[in-house]
């Protein structure tokens, strides 16, 4: 394969990667705004501690 063809293949791969990243960002932004509009307004908690235990542990730190 000549150097020109290798460069062209690499350029196409970089272009596809960039477009894929842009597409992912757009879709994630749309989904995030839909979740914000349709979902509940409370923040999502990633643990199962009751609120009183959480406050007690935060005071100890």
C-alpha atoms as a PDB file:
ATOM      1  CA  UNK A   1       0.000   0.000   0.000  1.00  0.00           C
ATOM      2  CA  UNK A   2       1.437   3.375  -0.928  1.00  0.00           C
ATOM      3  CA  UNK A   3       1.747   6.104   1.724  1.00  0.00           C
ATOM      4  CA  UNK A   4      -1.079   8.106   0.146  1.00  0.00           C
ATOM      5  CA  UNK A   5      -3.581   5.296   0.594  1.00  0.00           C
ATOM      6  CA  UNK A   6      -2.483   4.691   4.182  1.00  0.00           C
ATOM      7  CA  UNK A   7      -2.929   8.402   4.900  1.00  0.00           C
ATOM      8  CA  UNK A   8      -6.364   8.375   3.285  1.00  0.00           C
ATOM      9  CA  UNK A   9      -7.474   5.371   5.347  1.00  0.00           C
ATOM     10  CA  UNK A  10      -6.214   7.022   8.545  1.00  0.00           C
ATOM     11  CA  UNK A  11      -7.985  10.269   7.631  1.00  0.00           C
ATOM     12  CA  UNK A  12     -11.258   8.391   7.099  1.00  0.00           C
ATOM     13  CA  UNK A  13     -10.858   6.592  10.442  1.00  0.00           C
ATOM     14  CA  UNK A  14     -10.193   9.875  12.255  1.00  0.00           C
ATOM     15  CA  UNK A  15     -13.222  11.447  10.571  1.00  0.00           C
ATOM     16  CA  UNK A  16     -15.467   8.517  11.534  1.00  0.00           C
ATOM     17  CA  UNK A  17     -14.209   8.611  15.104  1.00  0.00           C
ATOM     18  CA  UNK A  18     -14.844  12.363  15.365  1.00  0.00           C
ATOM     19  CA  UNK A  19     -18.336  12.070  13.897  1.00  0.00           C
ATOM     20  CA  UNK A  20     -19.136   9.169  16.241  1.00  0.00           C
ATOM     21  CA  UNK A  21     -18.037  11.201  19.251  1.00  0.00           C
ATOM     22  CA  UNK A  22     -20.126  14.174  18.134  1.00  0.00           C
ATOM     23  CA  UNK A  23     -23.162  11.928  17.554  1.00  0.00           C
ATOM     24  CA  UNK A  24     -22.772  10.371  21.018  1.00  0.00           C
ATOM     25  CA  UNK A  25     -22.565  13.821  22.630  1.00  0.00           C
ATOM     26  CA  UNK A  26     -25.680  15.038  20.827  1.00  0.00           C
ATOM     27  CA  UNK A  27     -27.708  11.937  21.738  1.00  0.00           C
ATOM     28  CA  UNK A  28     -26.577  12.080  25.394  1.00  0.00           C
ATOM     29  CA  UNK A  29     -27.520  15.770  25.552  1.00  0.00           C
ATOM     30  CA  UNK A  30     -30.982  15.130  24.145  1.00  0.00           C
ATOM     31  CA  UNK A  31     -31.545  12.189  26.509  1.00  0.00           C
ATOM     32  CA  UNK A  32     -30.343  14.234  29.479  1.00  0.00           C
ATOM     33  CA  UNK A  33     -32.709  17.073  28.703  1.00  0.00           C
ATOM     34  CA  UNK A  34     -35.604  14.634  28.221  1.00  0.00           C
ATOM     35  CA  UNK A  35     -34.855  13.022  31.575  1.00  0.00           C
ATOM     36  CA  UNK A  36     -34.760  16.452  33.185  1.00  0.00           C
ATOM     37  CA  UNK A  37     -38.098  17.431  31.632  1.00  0.00           C
ATOM     38  CA  UNK A  38     -39.955  14.174  32.230  1.00  0.00           C
ATOM     39  CA  UNK A  39     -38.242  12.793  35.296  1.00  0.00           C
ATOM     40  CA  UNK A  40     -38.484  13.607  38.931  1.00  0.00           C
ATOM     41  CA  UNK A  41     -36.690  16.686  40.183  1.00  0.00           C
ATOM     42  CA  UNK A  42     -34.933  15.106  43.184  1.00  0.00           C
ATOM     43  CA  UNK A  43     -31.273  14.191  42.738  1.00  0.00           C
ATOM     44  CA  UNK A  44     -30.551  10.522  42.250  1.00  0.00           C
ATOM     45  CA  UNK A  45     -28.891   8.889  45.267  1.00  0.00           C
ATOM     46  CA  UNK A  46     -26.389   6.160  44.448  1.00  0.00           C
ATOM     47  CA  UNK A  47     -26.476   4.504  47.873  1.00  0.00           C
ATOM     48  CA  UNK A  48     -29.151   2.998  50.085  1.00  0.00           C
ATOM     49  CA  UNK A  49     -28.393   4.777  53.361  1.00  0.00           C
ATOM     50  CA  UNK A  50     -31.360   6.396  55.087  1.00  0.00           C
ATOM     51  CA  UNK A  51     -31.053  10.221  55.314  1.00  0.00           C
ATOM     52  CA  UNK A  52     -30.426  10.271  59.092  1.00  0.00           C
ATOM     53  CA  UNK A  53     -27.468   7.880  58.814  1.00  0.00           C
ATOM     54  CA  UNK A  54     -26.054   9.905  55.956  1.00  0.00           C
ATOM     55  CA  UNK A  55     -26.169  13.148  57.991  1.00  0.00           C
ATOM     56  CA  UNK A  56     -24.603  11.444  61.012  1.00  0.00           C
ATOM     57  CA  UNK A  57     -21.698  10.082  58.933  1.00  0.00           C
ATOM     58  CA  UNK A  58     -21.088  13.467  57.321  1.00  0.00           C
ATOM     59  CA  UNK A  59     -20.714  15.093  60.766  1.00  0.00           C
ATOM     60  CA  UNK A  60     -18.068  12.535  61.767  1.00  0.00           C
ATOM     61  CA  UNK A  61     -15.861  13.382  58.801  1.00  0.00           C
END
